[in-house]
Amino acid sequence: MRDRHPFLVLSPRSFNERTSLVIGLPMTTAEYNADNPFAVVAGAASGKKSGKTSYVLCHQPKSFDWRVREAAPHPMKRLSDVRFAEVCGLLNQIVQLN
């Protein structure tokens, strides 16, 4: 993925600050994810992608150094509790942590 993309951070702030890493899931507005069983609808995108649906890709967990990449909080700030629980449930089906 080029440029900046939204990313749902799953790791706690204390970990992120201490290690300079974030662990989470990428987000996209690619329409073909409407049929993706591993994508969760995050809501309507804003900015240049306004009017498109945003998806969290639960099958692509990633980590990166947020300081090196100069990451910044997304204007959305956070996912609703219901959507976040849905994402975590689907991710757990994939990695089976608990």
PDB file of N, CA and C in Angstrom:
ATOM      1  N   MET A   1       0.834  -1.180   0.000  1.00  0.00           N
ATOM      2  CA  MET A   1       0.000   0.000   0.000  1.00  0.00           C
ATOM      3  C   MET A   1       0.876   1.240   0.000  1.00  0.00           C
ATOM      4  N   ARG A   2       0.609   2.120  -0.879  1.00  0.00           N
ATOM      5  CA  ARG A   2       1.332   3.379  -0.928  1.00  0.00           C
ATOM      6  C   ARG A   2       0.628   4.416  -0.069  1.00  0.00           C
ATOM      7  N   ASP A   3       1.328   5.481   0.173  1.00  0.00           N
ATOM      8  CA  ASP A   3       0.763   6.621   0.907  1.00  0.00           C
ATOM      9  C   ASP A   3       0.354   6.217   2.320  1.00  0.00           C
ATOM     10  N   ARG A   4      -0.445   7.054   2.925  1.00  0.00           N
ATOM     11  CA  ARG A   4      -0.939   6.781   4.277  1.00  0.00           C
ATOM     12  C   ARG A   4      -2.279   6.070   4.187  1.00  0.00           C
ATOM     13  N   HIS A   5      -2.446   5.115   5.085  1.00  0.00           N
ATOM     14  CA  HIS A   5      -3.704   4.374   5.153  1.00  0.00           C
ATOM     15  C   HIS A   5      -4.126   4.248   6.597  1.00  0.00           C
ATOM     16  N   PRO A   6      -5.437   4.215   6.839  1.00  0.00           N
ATOM     17  CA  PRO A   6      -5.903   4.004   8.202  1.00  0.00           C
ATOM     18  C   PRO A   6      -5.485   2.618   8.697  1.00  0.00           C
ATOM     19  N   PHE A   7      -5.339   2.505  10.006  1.00  0.00           N
ATOM     20  CA  PHE A   7      -4.859   1.284  10.625  1.00  0.00           C
ATOM     21  C   PHE A   7      -5.535   1.169  11.988  1.00  0.00           C
ATOM     22  N   LEU A   8      -6.184   0.052  12.247  1.00  0.00           N
ATOM     23  CA  LEU A   8      -6.819  -0.154  13.544  1.00  0.00           C
ATOM     24  C   LEU A   8      -5.778  -0.717  14.502  1.00  0.00           C
ATOM     25  N   VAL A   9      -5.366   0.075  15.468  1.00  0.00           N
ATOM     26  CA  VAL A   9      -4.343  -0.329  16.426  1.00  0.00           C
ATOM     27  C   VAL A   9      -4.986  -1.205  17.497  1.00  0.00           C
ATOM     28  N   LEU A  10      -4.405  -2.385  17.706  1.00  0.00           N
ATOM     29  CA  LEU A  10      -4.892  -3.319  18.713  1.00  0.00           C
ATOM     30  C   LEU A  10      -4.016  -3.344  19.956  1.00  0.00           C
ATOM     31  N   SER A  11      -2.756  -2.999  19.807  1.00  0.00           N
ATOM     32  CA  SER A  11      -1.827  -3.034  20.941  1.00  0.00           C
ATOM     33  C   SER A  11      -2.093  -1.855  21.880  1.00  0.00           C
ATOM     34  N   PRO A  12      -1.845  -2.054  23.187  1.00  0.00           N
ATOM     35  CA  PRO A  12      -2.099  -0.978  24.150  1.00  0.00           C
ATOM     36  C   PRO A  12      -1.074   0.147  24.035  1.00  0.00           C
ATOM     37  N   ARG A  13      -1.489   1.322  24.408  1.00  0.00           N
ATOM     38  CA  ARG A  13      -0.646   2.521  24.330  1.00  0.00           C
ATOM     39  C   ARG A  13       0.683   2.343  25.061  1.00  0.00           C
ATOM     40  N   SER A  14       0.651   1.692  26.231  1.00  0.00           N
ATOM     41  CA  SER A  14       1.890   1.503  26.994  1.00  0.00           C
ATOM     42  C   SER A  14       2.911   0.691  26.189  1.00  0.00           C
ATOM     43  N   PHE A  15       2.463  -0.330  25.483  1.00  0.00           N
ATOM     44  CA  PHE A  15       3.345  -1.116  24.617  1.00  0.00           C
ATOM     45  C   PHE A  15       3.857  -0.255  23.464  1.00  0.00           C
ATOM     46  N   ASN A  16       2.947   0.467  22.823  1.00  0.00           N
ATOM     47  CA  ASN A  16       3.302   1.293  21.658  1.00  0.00           C
ATOM     48  C   ASN A  16       4.359   2.331  22.019  1.00  0.00           C
ATOM     49  N   GLU A  17       4.166   2.992  23.150  1.00  0.00           N
ATOM     50  CA  GLU A  17       5.111   4.035  23.555  1.00  0.00           C
ATOM     51  C   GLU A  17       6.465   3.461  23.946  1.00  0.00           C
ATOM     52  N   ARG A  18       6.459   2.325  24.624  1.00  0.00           N
ATOM     53  CA  ARG A  18       7.714   1.725  25.094  1.00  0.00           C
ATOM     54  C   ARG A  18       8.529   1.127  23.951  1.00  0.00           C
ATOM     55  N   THR A  19       7.856   0.499  22.977  1.00  0.00           N
ATOM     56  CA  THR A  19       8.565  -0.214  21.909  1.00  0.00           C
ATOM     57  C   THR A  19       8.663   0.562  20.608  1.00  0.00           C
ATOM     58  N   SER A  20       7.837   1.585  20.446  1.00  0.00           N
ATOM     59  CA  SER A  20       7.752   2.348  19.210  1.00  0.00           C
ATOM     60  C   SER A  20       7.022   1.566  18.114  1.00  0.00           C
ATOM     61  N   LEU A  21       6.444   0.422  18.493  1.00  0.00           N
ATOM     62  CA  LEU A  21       5.708  -0.408  17.540  1.00  0.00           C
ATOM     63  C   LEU A  21       4.213  -0.309  17.803  1.00  0.00           C
ATOM     64  N   VAL A  22       3.433  -0.533  16.769  1.00  0.00           N
ATOM     65  CA  VAL A  22       1.993  -0.741  16.908  1.00  0.00           C
ATOM     66  C   VAL A  22       1.671  -2.067  16.234  1.00  0.00           C
ATOM     67  N   ILE A  23       0.715  -2.769  16.796  1.00  0.00           N
ATOM     68  CA  ILE A  23       0.221  -4.011  16.212  1.00  0.00           C
ATOM     69  C   ILE A  23      -1.246  -3.783  15.913  1.00  0.00           C
ATOM     70  N   GLY A  24      -1.664  -4.122  14.705  1.00  0.00           N
ATOM     71  CA  GLY A  24      -3.046  -3.888  14.357  1.00  0.00           C
ATOM     72  C   GLY A  24      -3.411  -4.426  12.994  1.00  0.00           C
ATOM     73  N   LEU A  25      -4.468  -3.851  12.452  1.00  0.00           N
ATOM     74  CA  LEU A  25      -5.044  -4.323  11.199  1.00  0.00           C
ATOM     75  C   LEU A  25      -5.223  -3.157  10.228  1.00  0.00           C
ATOM     76  N   PRO A  26      -4.859  -3.365   8.963  1.00  0.00           N
ATOM     77  CA  PRO A  26      -5.036  -2.304   7.981  1.00  0.00           C
ATOM     78  C   PRO A  26      -6.513  -2.095   7.646  1.00  0.00           C
ATOM     79  N   MET A  27      -6.793  -0.906   7.166  1.00  0.00           N
ATOM     80  CA  MET A  27      -8.143  -0.563   6.733  1.00  0.00           C
ATOM     81  C   MET A  27      -8.078  -0.106   5.276  1.00  0.00           C
ATOM     82  N   THR A  28      -9.165  -0.323   4.561  1.00  0.00           N
ATOM     83  CA  THR A  28      -9.212   0.025   3.144  1.00  0.00           C
ATOM     84  C   THR A  28     -10.624   0.372   2.725  1.00  0.00           C
ATOM     85  N   THR A  29     -10.742   1.024   1.572  1.00  0.00           N
ATOM     86  CA  THR A  29     -12.057   1.290   0.986  1.00  0.00           C
ATOM     87  C   THR A  29     -12.242   0.501  -0.311  1.00  0.00           C
ATOM     88  N   ALA A  30     -11.358  -0.450  -0.578  1.00  0.00           N
ATOM     89  CA  ALA A  30     -11.469  -1.252  -1.801  1.00  0.00           C
ATOM     90  C   ALA A  30     -12.805  -1.998  -1.797  1.00  0.00           C
ATOM     91  N   GLU A  31     -13.607  -1.750  -2.813  1.00  0.00           N
ATOM     92  CA  GLU A  31     -14.977  -2.264  -2.858  1.00  0.00           C
ATOM     93  C   GLU A  31     -15.065  -3.776  -2.892  1.00  0.00           C
ATOM     94  N   TYR A  32     -14.042  -4.459  -3.408  1.00  0.00           N
ATOM     95  CA  TYR A  32     -14.112  -5.924  -3.483  1.00  0.00           C
ATOM     96  C   TYR A  32     -14.131  -6.560  -2.094  1.00  0.00           C
ATOM     97  N   ASN A  33     -13.853  -5.793  -1.053  1.00  0.00           N
ATOM     98  CA  ASN A  33     -13.901  -6.334   0.308  1.00  0.00           C
ATOM     99  C   ASN A  33     -15.325  -6.486   0.831  1.00  0.00           C
ATOM    100  N   ALA A  34     -16.315  -5.999   0.092  1.00  0.00           N
ATOM    101  CA  ALA A  34     -17.711  -6.179   0.499  1.00  0.00           C
ATOM    102  C   ALA A  34     -18.047  -7.663   0.605  1.00  0.00           C
ATOM    103  N   ASP A  35     -17.396  -8.503  -0.191  1.00  0.00           N
ATOM    104  CA  ASP A  35     -17.634  -9.953  -0.172  1.00  0.00           C
ATOM    105  C   ASP A  35     -16.545 -10.712   0.579  1.00  0.00           C
ATOM    106  N   ASN A  36     -15.614 -10.014   1.178  1.00  0.00           N
ATOM    107  CA  ASN A  36     -14.503 -10.641   1.881  1.00  0.00           C
ATOM    108  C   ASN A  36     -14.984 -11.105   3.263  1.00  0.00           C
ATOM    109  N   PRO A  37     -14.954 -12.413   3.547  1.00  0.00           N
ATOM    110  CA  PRO A  37     -15.436 -12.886   4.842  1.00  0.00           C
ATOM    111  C   PRO A  37     -14.551 -12.466   6.015  1.00  0.00           C
ATOM    112  N   PHE A  38     -13.356 -11.940   5.729  1.00  0.00           N
ATOM    113  CA  PHE A  38     -12.430 -11.511   6.777  1.00  0.00           C
ATOM    114  C   PHE A  38     -12.385 -10.000   6.943  1.00  0.00           C
ATOM    115  N   ALA A  39     -13.273  -9.288   6.272  1.00  0.00           N
ATOM    116  CA  ALA A  39     -13.337  -7.826   6.366  1.00  0.00           C
ATOM    117  C   ALA A  39     -14.566  -7.420   7.169  1.00  0.00           C
ATOM    118  N   VAL A  40     -14.378  -6.472   8.060  1.00  0.00           N
ATOM    119  CA  VAL A  40     -15.470  -5.949   8.880  1.00  0.00           C
ATOM    120  C   VAL A  40     -15.708  -4.498   8.469  1.00  0.00           C
ATOM    121  N   VAL A  41     -16.965  -4.151   8.242  1.00  0.00           N
ATOM    122  CA  VAL A  41     -17.312  -2.776   7.884  1.00  0.00           C
ATOM    123  C   VAL A  41     -17.017  -1.875   9.070  1.00  0.00           C
ATOM    124  N   ALA A  42     -16.199  -0.855   8.838  1.00  0.00           N
ATOM    125  CA  ALA A  42     -15.834   0.089   9.892  1.00  0.00           C
ATOM    126  C   ALA A  42     -16.737   1.321   9.872  1.00  0.00           C
ATOM    127  N   GLY A  43     -17.385   1.559   8.741  1.00  0.00           N
ATOM    128  CA  GLY A  43     -18.241   2.730   8.605  1.00  0.00           C
ATOM    129  C   GLY A  43     -17.914   3.479   7.332  1.00  0.00           C
ATOM    130  N   ALA A  44     -18.408   4.685   7.246  1.00  0.00           N
ATOM    131  CA  ALA A  44     -18.181   5.514   6.071  1.00  0.00           C
ATOM    132  C   ALA A  44     -16.828   6.201   6.170  1.00  0.00           C
ATOM    133  N   ALA A  45     -16.110   6.180   5.069  1.00  0.00           N
ATOM    134  CA  ALA A  45     -14.811   6.855   5.006  1.00  0.00           C
ATOM    135  C   ALA A  45     -15.028   8.367   4.924  1.00  0.00           C
ATOM    136  N   SER A  46     -13.985   9.109   5.276  1.00  0.00           N
ATOM    137  CA  SER A  46     -14.055  10.566   5.185  1.00  0.00           C
ATOM    138  C   SER A  46     -12.908  11.069   4.322  1.00  0.00           C
ATOM    139  N   GLY A  47     -12.878  12.360   4.100  1.00  0.00           N
ATOM    140  CA  GLY A  47     -11.811  12.953   3.300  1.00  0.00           C
ATOM    141  C   GLY A  47     -11.958  12.635   1.828  1.00  0.00           C
ATOM    142  N   LYS A  48     -10.840  12.303   1.168  1.00  0.00           N
ATOM    143  CA  LYS A  48     -10.857  12.008  -0.270  1.00  0.00           C
ATOM    144  C   LYS A  48     -11.730  10.806  -0.604  1.00  0.00           C
ATOM    145  N   LYS A  49     -11.907   9.913   0.350  1.00  0.00           N
ATOM    146  CA  LYS A  49     -12.678   8.685   0.132  1.00  0.00           C
ATOM    147  C   LYS A  49     -14.112   8.811   0.638  1.00  0.00           C
ATOM    148  N   SER A  50     -14.549  10.023   0.916  1.00  0.00           N
ATOM    149  CA  SER A  50     -15.878  10.262   1.457  1.00  0.00           C
ATOM    150  C   SER A  50     -16.952   9.583   0.609  1.00  0.00           C
ATOM    151  N   GLY A  51     -17.891   8.946   1.288  1.00  0.00           N
ATOM    152  CA  GLY A  51     -18.968   8.259   0.590  1.00  0.00           C
ATOM    153  C   GLY A  51     -18.690   6.786   0.360  1.00  0.00           C
ATOM    154  N   LYS A  52     -17.435   6.365   0.533  1.00  0.00           N
ATOM    155  CA  LYS A  52     -17.094   4.961   0.371  1.00  0.00           C
ATOM    156  C   LYS A  52     -17.165   4.256   1.722  1.00  0.00           C
ATOM    157  N   THR A  53     -17.322   2.951   1.677  1.00  0.00           N
ATOM    158  CA  THR A  53     -17.329   2.156   2.895  1.00  0.00           C
ATOM    159  C   THR A  53     -15.898   1.781   3.254  1.00  0.00           C
ATOM    160  N   SER A  54     -15.567   1.878   4.526  1.00  0.00           N
ATOM    161  CA  SER A  54     -14.243   1.520   5.014  1.00  0.00           C
ATOM    162  C   SER A  54     -14.314   0.139   5.668  1.00  0.00           C
ATOM    163  N   TYR A  55     -13.314  -0.697   5.397  1.00  0.00           N
ATOM    164  CA  TYR A  55     -13.264  -2.054   5.925  1.00  0.00           C
ATOM    165  C   TYR A  55     -11.989  -2.269   6.737  1.00  0.00           C
ATOM    166  N   VAL A  56     -12.098  -3.051   7.825  1.00  0.00           N
ATOM    167  CA  VAL A  56     -10.941  -3.506   8.592  1.00  0.00           C
ATOM    168  C   VAL A  56     -10.617  -4.902   8.080  1.00  0.00           C
ATOM    169  N   LEU A  57      -9.362  -5.129   7.691  1.00  0.00           N
ATOM    170  CA  LEU A  57      -8.946  -6.414   7.138  1.00  0.00           C
ATOM    171  C   LEU A  57      -8.392  -7.295   8.257  1.00  0.00           C
ATOM    172  N   CYS A  58      -9.237  -8.151   8.801  1.00  0.00           N
ATOM    173  CA  CYS A  58      -8.887  -8.961   9.979  1.00  0.00           C
ATOM    174  C   CYS A  58      -7.876 -10.057   9.665  1.00  0.00           C
ATOM    175  N   HIS A  59      -7.693 -10.391   8.423  1.00  0.00           N
ATOM    176  CA  HIS A  59      -6.770 -11.467   8.037  1.00  0.00           C
ATOM    177  C   HIS A  59      -5.368 -10.951   7.710  1.00  0.00           C
ATOM    178  N   GLN A  60      -5.099  -9.674   7.994  1.00  0.00           N
ATOM    179  CA  GLN A  60      -3.793  -9.108   7.668  1.00  0.00           C
ATOM    180  C   GLN A  60      -3.161  -8.388   8.860  1.00  0.00           C
ATOM    181  N   PRO A  61      -3.017  -9.059  10.019  1.00  0.00           N
ATOM    182  CA  PRO A  61      -2.377  -8.370  11.144  1.00  0.00           C
ATOM    183  C   PRO A  61      -0.957  -7.938  10.781  1.00  0.00           C
ATOM    184  N   LYS A  62      -0.579  -6.753  11.246  1.00  0.00           N
ATOM    185  CA  LYS A  62       0.725  -6.187  10.911  1.00  0.00           C
ATOM    186  C   LYS A  62       1.271  -5.422  12.113  1.00  0.00           C
ATOM    187  N   SER A  63       2.561  -5.191  12.079  1.00  0.00           N
ATOM    188  CA  SER A  63       3.169  -4.291  13.048  1.00  0.00           C
ATOM    189  C   SER A  63       4.157  -3.397  12.306  1.00  0.00           C
ATOM    190  N   PHE A  64       4.373  -2.225  12.843  1.00  0.00           N
ATOM    191  CA  PHE A  64       5.356  -1.312  12.259  1.00  0.00           C
ATOM    192  C   PHE A  64       5.777  -0.294  13.305  1.00  0.00           C
ATOM    193  N   ASP A  65       6.894   0.351  13.035  1.00  0.00           N
ATOM    194  CA  ASP A  65       7.422   1.387  13.917  1.00  0.00           C
ATOM    195  C   ASP A  65       6.706   2.695  13.579  1.00  0.00           C
ATOM    196  N   TRP A  66       5.837   3.123  14.462  1.00  0.00           N
ATOM    197  CA  TRP A  66       5.028   4.295  14.173  1.00  0.00           C
ATOM    198  C   TRP A  66       5.841   5.583  14.195  1.00  0.00           C
ATOM    199  N   ARG A  67       6.936   5.602  14.900  1.00  0.00           N
ATOM    200  CA  ARG A  67       7.771   6.807  14.903  1.00  0.00           C
ATOM    201  C   ARG A  67       8.493   6.976  13.576  1.00  0.00           C
ATOM    202  N   VAL A  68       9.058   5.892  13.064  1.00  0.00           N
ATOM    203  CA  VAL A  68       9.767   5.948  11.778  1.00  0.00           C
ATOM    204  C   VAL A  68       8.805   6.335  10.656  1.00  0.00           C
ATOM    205  N   ARG A  69       7.600   5.795  10.703  1.00  0.00           N
ATOM    206  CA  ARG A  69       6.612   6.087   9.654  1.00  0.00           C
ATOM    207  C   ARG A  69       5.850   7.383   9.891  1.00  0.00           C
ATOM    208  N   GLU A  70       6.141   8.041  11.008  1.00  0.00           N
ATOM    209  CA  GLU A  70       5.476   9.299  11.351  1.00  0.00           C
ATOM    210  C   GLU A  70       3.954   9.158  11.349  1.00  0.00           C
ATOM    211  N   ALA A  71       3.492   8.087  11.970  1.00  0.00           N
ATOM    212  CA  ALA A  71       2.054   7.820  12.042  1.00  0.00           C
ATOM    213  C   ALA A  71       1.364   8.846  12.927  1.00  0.00           C
ATOM    214  N   ALA A  72       0.110   9.081  12.619  1.00  0.00           N
ATOM    215  CA  ALA A  72      -0.698  10.036  13.387  1.00  0.00           C
ATOM    216  C   ALA A  72      -2.083   9.449  13.601  1.00  0.00           C
ATOM    217  N   PRO A  73      -2.758   9.847  14.668  1.00  0.00           N
ATOM    218  CA  PRO A  73      -4.110   9.337  14.896  1.00  0.00           C
ATOM    219  C   PRO A  73      -5.044   9.690  13.743  1.00  0.00           C
ATOM    220  N   HIS A  74      -5.926   8.776  13.433  1.00  0.00           N
ATOM    221  CA  HIS A  74      -6.931   8.985  12.387  1.00  0.00           C
ATOM    222  C   HIS A  74      -8.011   9.926  12.923  1.00  0.00           C
ATOM    223  N   PRO A  75      -8.592  10.771  12.071  1.00  0.00           N
ATOM    224  CA  PRO A  75      -9.646  11.680  12.538  1.00  0.00           C
ATOM    225  C   PRO A  75     -10.834  10.950  13.171  1.00  0.00           C
ATOM    226  N   MET A  76     -11.086   9.689  12.754  1.00  0.00           N
ATOM    227  CA  MET A  76     -12.192   8.920  13.320  1.00  0.00           C
ATOM    228  C   MET A  76     -11.930   8.599  14.798  1.00  0.00           C
ATOM    229  N   LYS A  77     -10.674   8.585  15.200  1.00  0.00           N
ATOM    230  CA  LYS A  77     -10.199   8.313  16.556  1.00  0.00           C
ATOM    231  C   LYS A  77     -10.361   6.858  16.977  1.00  0.00           C
ATOM    232  N   ARG A  78     -11.577   6.330  16.923  1.00  0.00           N
ATOM    233  CA  ARG A  78     -11.775   4.951  17.362  1.00  0.00           C
ATOM    234  C   ARG A  78     -12.998   4.340  16.687  1.00  0.00           C
ATOM    235  N   LEU A  79     -12.993   3.029  16.672  1.00  0.00           N
ATOM    236  CA  LEU A  79     -14.110   2.263  16.142  1.00  0.00           C
ATOM    237  C   LEU A  79     -15.159   2.131  17.251  1.00  0.00           C
ATOM    238  N   SER A  80     -16.411   1.981  16.878  1.00  0.00           N
ATOM    239  CA  SER A  80     -17.434   1.767  17.903  1.00  0.00           C
ATOM    240  C   SER A  80     -17.127   0.465  18.645  1.00  0.00           C
ATOM    241  N   ASP A  81     -17.602   0.362  19.872  1.00  0.00           N
ATOM    242  CA  ASP A  81     -17.357  -0.839  20.675  1.00  0.00           C
ATOM    243  C   ASP A  81     -17.911  -2.088  19.991  1.00  0.00           C
ATOM    244  N   VAL A  82     -19.058  -1.962  19.343  1.00  0.00           N
ATOM    245  CA  VAL A  82     -19.670  -3.103  18.656  1.00  0.00           C
ATOM    246  C   VAL A  82     -18.790  -3.562  17.504  1.00  0.00           C
ATOM    247  N   ARG A  83     -18.309  -2.634  16.699  1.00  0.00           N
ATOM    248  CA  ARG A  83     -17.443  -2.990  15.561  1.00  0.00           C
ATOM    249  C   ARG A  83     -16.108  -3.552  16.053  1.00  0.00           C
ATOM    250  N   PHE A  84     -15.558  -2.948  17.116  1.00  0.00           N
ATOM    251  CA  PHE A  84     -14.291  -3.419  17.657  1.00  0.00           C
ATOM    252  C   PHE A  84     -14.431  -4.856  18.154  1.00  0.00           C
ATOM    253  N   ALA A  85     -15.530  -5.163  18.826  1.00  0.00           N
ATOM    254  CA  ALA A  85     -15.774  -6.528  19.303  1.00  0.00           C
ATOM    255  C   ALA A  85     -15.910  -7.491  18.124  1.00  0.00           C
ATOM    256  N   GLU A  86     -16.547  -7.043  17.055  1.00  0.00           N
ATOM    257  CA  GLU A  86     -16.689  -7.876  15.858  1.00  0.00           C
ATOM    258  C   GLU A  86     -15.315  -8.166  15.239  1.00  0.00           C
ATOM    259  N   VAL A  87     -14.477  -7.139  15.146  1.00  0.00           N
ATOM    260  CA  VAL A  87     -13.119  -7.308  14.616  1.00  0.00           C
ATOM    261  C   VAL A  87     -12.333  -8.292  15.473  1.00  0.00           C
ATOM    262  N   CYS A  88     -12.361  -8.105  16.789  1.00  0.00           N
ATOM    263  CA  CYS A  88     -11.612  -8.984  17.691  1.00  0.00           C
ATOM    264  C   CYS A  88     -12.116 -10.416  17.616  1.00  0.00           C
ATOM    265  N   GLY A  89     -13.425 -10.590  17.500  1.00  0.00           N
ATOM    266  CA  GLY A  89     -13.995 -11.933  17.375  1.00  0.00           C
ATOM    267  C   GLY A  89     -13.540 -12.623  16.108  1.00  0.00           C
ATOM    268  N   LEU A  90     -13.536 -11.904  15.010  1.00  0.00           N
ATOM    269  CA  LEU A  90     -13.106 -12.490  13.741  1.00  0.00           C
ATOM    270  C   LEU A  90     -11.612 -12.776  13.749  1.00  0.00           C
ATOM    271  N   LEU A  91     -10.821 -11.861  14.283  1.00  0.00           N
ATOM    272  CA  LEU A  91      -9.380 -12.092  14.385  1.00  0.00           C
ATOM    273  C   LEU A  91      -9.108 -13.325  15.253  1.00  0.00           C
ATOM    274  N   ASN A  92      -9.846 -13.481  16.329  1.00  0.00           N
ATOM    275  CA  ASN A  92      -9.649 -14.630  17.200  1.00  0.00           C
ATOM    276  C   ASN A  92     -10.016 -15.939  16.491  1.00  0.00           C
ATOM    277  N   GLN A  93     -10.990 -15.911  15.611  1.00  0.00           N
ATOM    278  CA  GLN A  93     -11.319 -17.111  14.832  1.00  0.00           C
ATOM    279  C   GLN A  93     -10.140 -17.515  13.953  1.00  0.00           C
ATOM    280  N   ILE A  94      -9.395 -16.530  13.490  1.00  0.00           N
ATOM    281  CA  ILE A  94      -8.254 -16.790  12.602  1.00  0.00           C
ATOM    282  C   ILE A  94      -7.049 -17.276  13.387  1.00  0.00           C
ATOM    283  N   VAL A  95      -6.683 -16.574  14.462  1.00  0.00           N
ATOM    284  CA  VAL A  95      -5.457 -16.898  15.193  1.00  0.00           C
ATOM    285  C   VAL A  95      -5.702 -17.753  16.432  1.00  0.00           C
ATOM    286  N   GLN A  96      -6.930 -17.861  16.870  1.00  0.00           N
ATOM    287  CA  GLN A  96      -7.348 -18.708  18.002  1.00  0.00           C
ATOM    288  C   GLN A  96      -6.493 -18.503  19.249  1.00  0.00           C
ATOM    289  N   LEU A  97      -6.453 -17.271  19.729  1.00  0.00           N
ATOM    290  CA  LEU A  97      -5.709 -16.959  20.941  1.00  0.00           C
ATOM    291  C   LEU A  97      -6.466 -17.359  22.202  1.00  0.00           C
ATOM    292  N   ASN A  98      -7.794 -17.278  22.170  1.00  0.00           N
ATOM    293  CA  ASN A  98      -8.552 -17.708  23.352  1.00  0.00           C
ATOM    294  C   ASN A  98      -9.857 -18.324  22.946  1.00  0.00           C
TER     295      ASN A  98
END
